[in-house]
Protein backbone atom coordinates (compact mmCIF):
# COMPACT_ATOMS: atom_id res chain seq x y z
CA MET A 1 0.44 -0.27 -0.29
CA ALA A 2 1.49 3.10 -1.20
CA THR A 3 1.23 6.50 1.27
CA ALA A 4 0.65 9.54 0.07
CA LYS A 5 3.01 12.23 0.78
CA PRO A 6 2.38 15.37 2.21
CA LYS A 7 2.40 18.25 0.01
CA ARG A 8 5.29 20.58 1.37
CA ARG A 9 4.61 24.16 1.33
CA ASP A 10 6.98 26.78 0.26
CA SER A 11 8.74 29.02 2.94
CA LYS A 12 9.86 31.29 0.83
CA ARG A 13 6.52 32.02 -1.27
CA LYS A 14 5.00 34.62 0.04
CA PRO A 15 1.28 34.71 -0.71
CA GLU A 16 0.49 36.95 -3.42
CA PRO A 17 -1.24 40.21 -2.42
CA ALA A 18 -5.50 40.80 -3.87
CA CYS A 19 -4.28 44.08 -5.63
CA ARG A 20 -1.04 44.01 -7.69
CA SER A 21 -1.53 47.22 -8.55
CA VAL A 22 -2.31 50.43 -6.61
CA GLU A 23 -5.16 51.43 -9.30
CA GLY A 24 -7.15 48.04 -8.66
CA TRP A 25 -6.12 49.10 -4.82
CA ALA A 26 -7.79 51.82 -5.09
CA VAL A 27 -11.04 49.97 -6.80
CA THR A 28 -10.92 48.03 -4.27
CA VAL A 29 -10.81 51.03 -1.22
CA LEU A 30 -13.57 52.87 -2.79
CA LEU A 31 -16.54 49.68 -3.79
CA ASP A 32 -16.19 48.75 -0.29
CA ALA A 33 -16.15 53.09 0.88
CA HIS A 34 -19.12 52.68 -0.94
CA ALA A 35 -17.94 55.69 -2.93
CA ILE A 36 -18.65 54.25 -6.36
CA VAL A 37 -20.85 51.22 -7.57
CA ALA A 38 -20.83 49.05 -10.28
CA CYS A 39 -23.36 48.77 -13.31
CA GLU A 40 -25.67 45.77 -12.45
CA SER A 41 -26.03 45.29 -16.63
CA HIS A 42 -22.31 46.07 -18.56
CA GLY A 43 -19.85 46.09 -15.14
CA PHE A 44 -19.42 49.78 -15.45
CA ILE A 45 -18.04 52.00 -12.24
CA ARG A 46 -19.76 54.67 -11.86
CA ASP A 47 -19.44 56.89 -8.38
CA ARG A 48 -22.50 57.20 -6.15
CA ALA A 49 -21.09 61.31 -5.10
CA ASP A 50 -21.29 60.28 -2.21
CA PRO A 51 -18.76 63.14 0.06
CA ASP A 52 -19.04 61.07 3.59
CA ALA A 53 -17.83 57.91 0.94
CA TRP A 54 -15.26 59.94 -0.72
CA GLN A 55 -13.21 60.91 3.19
CA ARG A 56 -14.47 56.88 3.79
CA ALA A 57 -12.23 56.37 0.86
CA ARG A 58 -9.14 59.07 1.59
CA MET A 59 -9.37 57.97 5.53
CA VAL A 60 -8.54 54.74 4.96
CA ALA A 61 -5.91 55.44 1.66
CA ALA A 62 -4.12 57.25 4.26
CA GLU A 63 -4.56 54.57 7.23
CA THR A 64 -4.05 51.96 5.32
CA PRO A 65 -2.14 52.38 2.81
CA PHE A 66 -1.28 49.74 -0.83
CA ALA A 67 1.37 47.16 0.49
CA SER A 68 4.14 48.45 -2.52
CA ALA A 69 3.31 52.06 -1.40
CA SER A 70 3.41 55.72 0.62
CA ALA A 71 0.26 56.91 1.62
CA GLN A 72 1.00 60.10 -0.04
CA THR A 73 1.33 57.40 -3.28
CA SER A 74 -1.96 55.51 -1.96
CA LEU A 75 -3.87 58.93 -1.41
CA GLN A 76 -3.30 59.99 -4.80
CA ALA A 77 -4.48 56.90 -6.75
CA ILE A 78 -7.88 57.35 -4.86
CA GLU A 79 -7.88 60.53 -6.43
CA ASP A 80 -6.81 59.26 -9.56
CA VAL A 81 -9.18 56.59 -9.83
CA MET A 82 -12.41 59.28 -8.86
CA CYS A 83 -11.42 61.38 -11.10
CA SER A 84 -11.65 59.08 -14.87
CA VAL A 85 -15.75 58.00 -12.89
CA GLY A 86 -18.47 59.20 -14.29
CA ASP A 87 -21.95 58.95 -12.59
CA THR A 88 -23.18 56.98 -15.36
CA CYS A 89 -22.94 54.15 -17.75
CA PRO A 90 -21.80 54.44 -21.17
CA GLU A 91 -23.22 51.87 -21.60
CA CYS A 92 -26.71 52.13 -20.25
CA GLU A 93 -26.18 56.53 -21.43
CA ALA A 94 -26.26 55.06 -25.79
CA GLY A 95 -29.35 52.83 -24.75
CA ALA A 96 -30.85 55.52 -23.70
CA PHE A 97 -30.44 58.01 -26.38
CA PRO A 98 -30.45 55.63 -29.45
CA LYS A 99 -29.61 57.86 -32.42
CA ARG A 100 -32.20 58.59 -35.03
CA SER A 101 -31.57 57.02 -38.54
CA ARG A 102 -31.88 60.11 -41.26
């Protein structure tokens, strides 16, 4: 009867972070703070226009920055993502006003 060898864990490998980039981390923080929301139909992220949620996300960035970044870099990533997000889904908006044919 053969015995199974136990799997050996490589102690030198570090676990990979949930987010691989500071931008991905910023999106996660903003989602957790409810500052942004994903469109249910198309998946685009939209700004909820909630200043309190923005402030919560900034506080998280200042207190617990991304693993390989400074607090300043993390705060800048939050601001960059917030500036790049619109308040409407481009796909929903395109479907709301169909083009007229002439």
